[in-house]
Amino acid sequence: MKIQRRHVGGVAALLALGGLLGAGCAENRSSIFVRGALKFDEDTCEVVAELTAPTLLRGTLDVAFATEYTAALLVGNQLVRRGNAATLRTETSRVQFESADVHTFDAAGNELAAFTAPATGFVDPSTGAEPGLGFANVVLVDSGSAAAVLGESGGSRTPVEVLVNIIVRGRTLGGEEIATGEWQFPVDVCRGCLVDYPPGSDDLSSVEPDCLNTVDAPSRPCRPGRDNVIDCRLCSRVEPICNTPAL
């Protein structure tokens, strides 16, 4: 009977330990989280890690101008501050991003690719009830995923959806490995869907519609081929699709 009681006690201890470990894992997953994909300012080509910063509901990759889709992910950090200037204790709850686990799928749920991408950036700890905010630069759709979903034709102006599941991983300054929960983001992949044909871009000396009148052409957009439209006058001399207005 004594042996049996010791055995039961050991099992109870293991279950209690498992509960603690499980709680710690769950807590770790909620410590940092992806809030959204930041929208780059078209004038400065920069992003700001703020609660009021504009974010994207979905991304667009135009393979006529870019081979992969990268994003600046707004990440929140709910770890409490540990630093104390009075006791000369350094802050260990800041998180440096190291990598991301990325899985891409087509609209039917078929996996296109699974890869580990480098992630750069950091995030400060929380202040009171508010999480600290930072951003992680990560590849969400690689060239292989884009090629796989577009098929042998190489794509058209009709976008094809890619669903991206991502987990961002990092390490606190205290040496603790930490990761976000899985976050999903849709990206439309196409060839030429971001090209804009503004009025006046057509060279009227030519019979067929074109984009050869480059007078008053704007400056090159931020991050060509990702999210923002590109004026056809900027690429009509080098990219055939820019000289063929969509009908």
Protein backbone atom coordinates (compact mmCIF):
# COMPACT_ATOMS: atom_id res chain seq x y z
CA MET A 1 0.00 0.00 0.00
CA LYS A 2 2.84 2.37 0.77
CA ILE A 3 4.37 1.73 -2.64
CA GLN A 4 1.04 2.41 -4.30
CA ARG A 5 0.63 5.70 -2.42
CA ARG A 6 4.12 6.78 -3.43
CA HIS A 7 3.29 5.94 -7.05
CA VAL A 8 0.05 7.96 -6.94
CA GLY A 9 1.87 10.84 -5.31
CA GLY A 10 4.51 10.74 -8.03
CA VAL A 11 1.87 10.83 -10.76
CA ALA A 12 0.15 13.75 -9.06
CA ALA A 13 3.44 15.59 -8.88
CA LEU A 14 4.09 14.95 -12.56
CA LEU A 15 0.60 16.16 -13.47
CA ALA A 16 1.11 19.28 -11.39
CA LEU A 17 4.46 19.89 -13.06
CA GLY A 18 2.88 19.32 -16.47
CA GLY A 19 0.21 21.84 -15.62
CA LEU A 20 2.81 24.40 -14.71
CA LEU A 21 4.79 23.75 -17.86
CA GLY A 22 1.64 23.90 -19.96
CA ALA A 23 0.62 27.18 -18.37
CA GLY A 24 4.10 28.57 -18.97
CA CYS A 25 3.96 27.60 -22.65
CA ALA A 26 0.53 29.19 -23.09
CA GLU A 27 1.72 32.32 -21.31
CA ASN A 28 4.80 32.45 -23.54
CA ARG A 29 2.61 32.31 -26.68
CA SER A 30 0.60 35.28 -25.47
CA SER A 31 3.65 37.29 -24.43
CA ILE A 32 4.31 38.50 -27.97
CA PHE A 33 1.75 38.59 -30.77
CA VAL A 34 1.37 39.77 -34.37
CA ARG A 35 -1.08 42.67 -34.57
CA GLY A 36 -1.00 43.21 -38.35
CA ALA A 37 1.04 44.02 -41.46
CA LEU A 38 2.04 47.67 -41.57
CA LYS A 39 1.31 49.80 -44.62
CA PHE A 40 4.38 51.62 -45.93
CA ASP A 41 4.08 55.38 -46.37
CA GLU A 42 4.31 56.09 -50.11
CA ASP A 43 6.27 59.33 -49.60
CA THR A 44 8.84 58.18 -47.04
CA CYS A 45 8.70 54.40 -47.67
CA GLU A 46 8.80 53.94 -43.90
CA VAL A 47 6.57 52.36 -41.27
CA VAL A 48 5.94 53.36 -37.67
CA ALA A 49 5.23 50.90 -34.86
CA GLU A 50 2.17 52.59 -33.35
CA LEU A 51 -1.35 51.48 -32.46
CA THR A 52 -2.74 54.08 -34.87
CA ALA A 53 -0.40 53.11 -37.73
CA PRO A 54 -2.28 52.00 -40.89
CA THR A 55 -2.26 48.25 -41.55
CA LEU A 56 -3.15 46.07 -44.53
CA LEU A 57 -6.08 43.66 -44.65
CA ARG A 58 -4.30 41.73 -47.43
CA GLY A 59 -1.17 42.12 -49.53
CA THR A 60 -0.50 42.10 -53.27
CA LEU A 61 2.56 40.72 -55.06
CA ASP A 62 3.02 41.59 -58.72
CA VAL A 63 5.69 39.23 -60.05
CA ALA A 64 6.36 41.52 -63.01
CA PHE A 65 8.27 43.74 -60.59
CA ALA A 66 9.13 41.67 -57.49
CA THR A 67 9.95 38.00 -56.92
CA GLU A 68 8.79 37.76 -53.30
CA TYR A 69 6.47 39.49 -50.86
CA THR A 70 8.01 40.98 -47.74
CA ALA A 71 6.15 42.69 -44.92
CA ALA A 72 6.78 44.69 -41.77
CA LEU A 73 4.70 42.91 -39.14
CA LEU A 74 3.53 44.98 -36.18
CA VAL A 75 4.35 42.90 -33.09
CA GLY A 76 3.17 43.54 -29.55
CA ASN A 77 5.15 42.60 -26.44
CA GLN A 78 3.21 42.03 -23.20
CA LEU A 79 6.21 41.06 -21.08
CA VAL A 80 6.54 43.30 -18.03
CA ARG A 81 9.56 45.52 -17.59
CA ARG A 82 12.35 44.10 -15.41
CA GLY A 83 14.86 46.93 -15.52
CA ASN A 84 15.47 49.08 -12.46
CA ALA A 85 17.88 52.00 -12.60
CA ALA A 86 17.93 52.29 -8.81
CA THR A 87 19.28 48.76 -8.40
CA LEU A 88 21.32 48.81 -11.63
CA ARG A 89 19.21 45.99 -13.01
CA THR A 90 19.24 45.90 -16.81
CA GLU A 91 16.09 45.48 -18.93
CA THR A 92 15.75 41.85 -20.04
CA SER A 93 12.20 41.87 -21.45
CA ARG A 94 13.07 43.49 -24.77
CA VAL A 95 12.74 40.99 -27.61
CA GLN A 96 14.99 40.69 -30.64
CA PHE A 97 13.42 38.89 -33.61
CA GLU A 98 15.45 36.10 -35.16
CA SER A 99 13.35 34.04 -37.56
CA ALA A 100 9.87 33.13 -38.73
CA ASP A 101 8.21 29.82 -39.55
CA VAL A 102 6.25 30.39 -42.77
CA HIS A 103 3.73 28.06 -44.44
CA THR A 104 2.00 29.09 -47.66
CA PHE A 105 -1.21 27.57 -49.05
CA ASP A 106 -3.38 28.05 -52.10
CA ALA A 107 -7.06 28.93 -51.78
CA ALA A 108 -7.99 25.22 -51.72
CA GLY A 109 -5.76 24.58 -48.71
CA ASN A 110 -2.94 22.82 -50.58
CA GLU A 111 0.46 23.62 -49.11
CA LEU A 112 2.75 25.47 -51.52
CA ALA A 113 5.85 25.78 -49.34
CA ALA A 114 7.17 25.63 -45.79
CA PHE A 115 10.33 27.53 -44.92
CA THR A 116 12.17 29.39 -42.19
CA ALA A 117 12.80 33.03 -43.03
CA PRO A 118 15.15 35.45 -41.26
CA ALA A 119 13.34 38.10 -39.22
CA THR A 120 14.88 41.41 -38.20
CA GLY A 121 13.70 43.98 -35.68
CA PHE A 122 12.94 44.26 -31.98
CA VAL A 123 10.18 45.25 -29.59
CA ASP A 124 10.27 46.90 -26.17
CA PRO A 125 8.36 45.51 -23.17
CA SER A 126 4.94 46.69 -22.08
CA THR A 127 4.20 49.89 -20.22
CA GLY A 128 1.43 49.35 -17.70
CA ALA A 129 -1.50 47.71 -19.47
CA GLU A 130 -0.26 48.72 -22.93
CA PRO A 131 1.99 46.32 -24.89
CA GLY A 132 5.27 47.48 -26.30
CA LEU A 133 5.23 47.70 -30.09
CA GLY A 134 7.87 46.98 -32.71
CA PHE A 135 8.02 45.50 -36.18
CA ALA A 136 9.60 42.43 -37.74
CA ASN A 137 10.66 42.43 -41.39
CA VAL A 138 9.85 39.01 -42.85
CA VAL A 139 9.42 37.28 -46.22
CA LEU A 140 5.81 36.03 -46.38
CA VAL A 141 5.63 34.71 -49.96
CA ASP A 142 8.83 33.38 -51.51
CA SER A 143 9.49 33.08 -55.23
CA GLY A 144 8.75 29.33 -55.16
CA SER A 145 5.28 29.85 -53.68
CA ALA A 146 4.51 32.58 -56.21
CA ALA A 147 5.62 30.41 -59.13
CA ALA A 148 3.67 27.41 -57.83
CA VAL A 149 0.38 29.26 -57.46
CA LEU A 150 0.67 31.05 -60.83
CA GLY A 151 1.43 27.85 -62.72
CA GLU A 152 3.12 27.35 -66.07
CA SER A 153 1.50 30.43 -67.62
CA GLY A 154 3.45 32.67 -65.27
CA GLY A 155 0.34 34.53 -64.16
CA SER A 156 -1.98 37.21 -65.46
CA ARG A 157 -3.64 40.39 -64.27
CA THR A 158 -6.21 38.27 -62.43
CA PRO A 159 -4.86 37.81 -58.86
CA VAL A 160 -4.54 34.37 -57.30
CA GLU A 161 -4.76 34.14 -53.51
CA VAL A 162 -2.01 32.74 -51.30
CA LEU A 163 -2.72 32.22 -47.60
CA VAL A 164 0.28 32.69 -45.34
CA ASN A 165 0.53 31.21 -41.83
CA ILE A 166 3.42 32.63 -39.85
CA ILE A 167 5.00 32.32 -36.41
CA VAL A 168 7.59 34.95 -35.47
CA ARG A 169 10.40 33.78 -33.20
CA GLY A 170 12.82 35.77 -31.11
CA ARG A 171 14.80 35.93 -27.90
CA THR A 172 14.56 38.25 -24.93
CA LEU A 173 17.66 40.11 -23.79
CA GLY A 174 17.48 37.78 -20.81
CA GLY A 175 18.10 34.82 -23.14
CA GLU A 176 14.59 33.34 -23.20
CA GLU A 177 13.35 31.94 -26.51
CA ILE A 178 9.91 33.28 -27.34
CA ALA A 179 7.40 33.01 -30.19
CA THR A 180 4.08 34.44 -31.30
CA GLY A 181 1.00 32.38 -31.93
CA GLU A 182 0.27 31.51 -35.55
CA TRP A 183 -1.00 34.45 -37.60
CA GLN A 184 -2.60 34.27 -41.06
CA PHE A 185 -2.41 36.83 -43.85
CA PRO A 186 -3.74 36.63 -47.44
CA VAL A 187 -1.60 37.80 -50.36
CA ASP A 188 -2.87 38.20 -53.94
CA VAL A 189 -0.27 37.14 -56.50
CA CYS A 190 -0.48 38.30 -60.13
CA ARG A 191 1.46 39.53 -63.14
CA GLY A 192 0.63 43.12 -64.06
CA CYS A 193 -2.34 43.75 -61.76
CA LEU A 194 -0.60 46.66 -60.02
CA VAL A 195 0.06 48.57 -63.25
CA ASP A 196 -1.97 51.79 -63.57
CA TYR A 197 -2.71 53.41 -66.95
CA PRO A 198 -3.56 57.06 -66.20
CA PRO A 199 -5.24 59.40 -68.70
CA GLY A 200 -2.70 61.03 -70.97
CA SER A 201 -0.27 58.12 -70.93
CA ASP A 202 -1.35 56.96 -74.41
CA ASP A 203 0.83 58.17 -77.28
CA LEU A 204 -1.84 59.33 -79.73
CA SER A 205 0.57 59.15 -82.67
CA SER A 206 0.25 55.38 -82.45
CA VAL A 207 -2.90 53.57 -83.60
CA GLU A 208 -2.92 50.99 -80.82
CA PRO A 209 -3.38 51.98 -77.15
CA ASP A 210 -0.05 52.18 -75.39
CA CYS A 211 1.77 53.92 -72.55
CA LEU A 212 4.55 55.66 -74.41
CA ASN A 213 3.69 59.26 -73.51
CA THR A 214 6.00 59.61 -70.53
CA VAL A 215 5.47 63.35 -70.01
CA ASP A 216 4.80 64.19 -66.35
CA ALA A 217 5.55 60.66 -65.22
CA PRO A 218 5.62 60.40 -61.40
CA SER A 219 8.49 59.18 -59.28
CA ARG A 220 9.11 55.49 -58.73
CA PRO A 221 6.72 54.05 -56.12
CA CYS A 222 7.73 52.68 -52.76
CA ARG A 223 8.40 48.92 -52.90
CA PRO A 224 7.60 48.28 -56.59
CA GLY A 225 5.54 45.15 -57.11
CA ARG A 226 4.23 45.04 -53.54
CA ASP A 227 0.89 46.60 -52.63
CA ASN A 228 1.24 49.99 -54.33
CA VAL A 229 0.28 50.66 -57.96
CA ILE A 230 2.98 51.56 -60.45
CA ASP A 231 2.39 54.13 -63.18
CA CYS A 232 2.78 52.47 -66.59
CA ARG A 233 4.94 55.37 -67.78
CA LEU A 234 7.67 54.27 -65.38
CA CYS A 235 8.04 50.83 -66.90
CA SER A 236 6.65 50.94 -70.46
CA ARG A 237 10.14 51.03 -71.99
CA VAL A 238 11.38 47.97 -70.10
CA GLU A 239 8.35 45.82 -69.22
CA PRO A 240 6.02 44.77 -72.10
CA ILE A 241 3.00 44.43 -69.83
CA CYS A 242 3.25 48.15 -69.01
CA ASN A 243 2.75 49.03 -72.65
CA THR A 244 -0.43 46.98 -72.99
CA PRO A 245 -3.31 48.72 -71.22
CA ALA A 246 -5.80 46.45 -69.54
CA LEU A 247 -9.05 46.34 -71.50
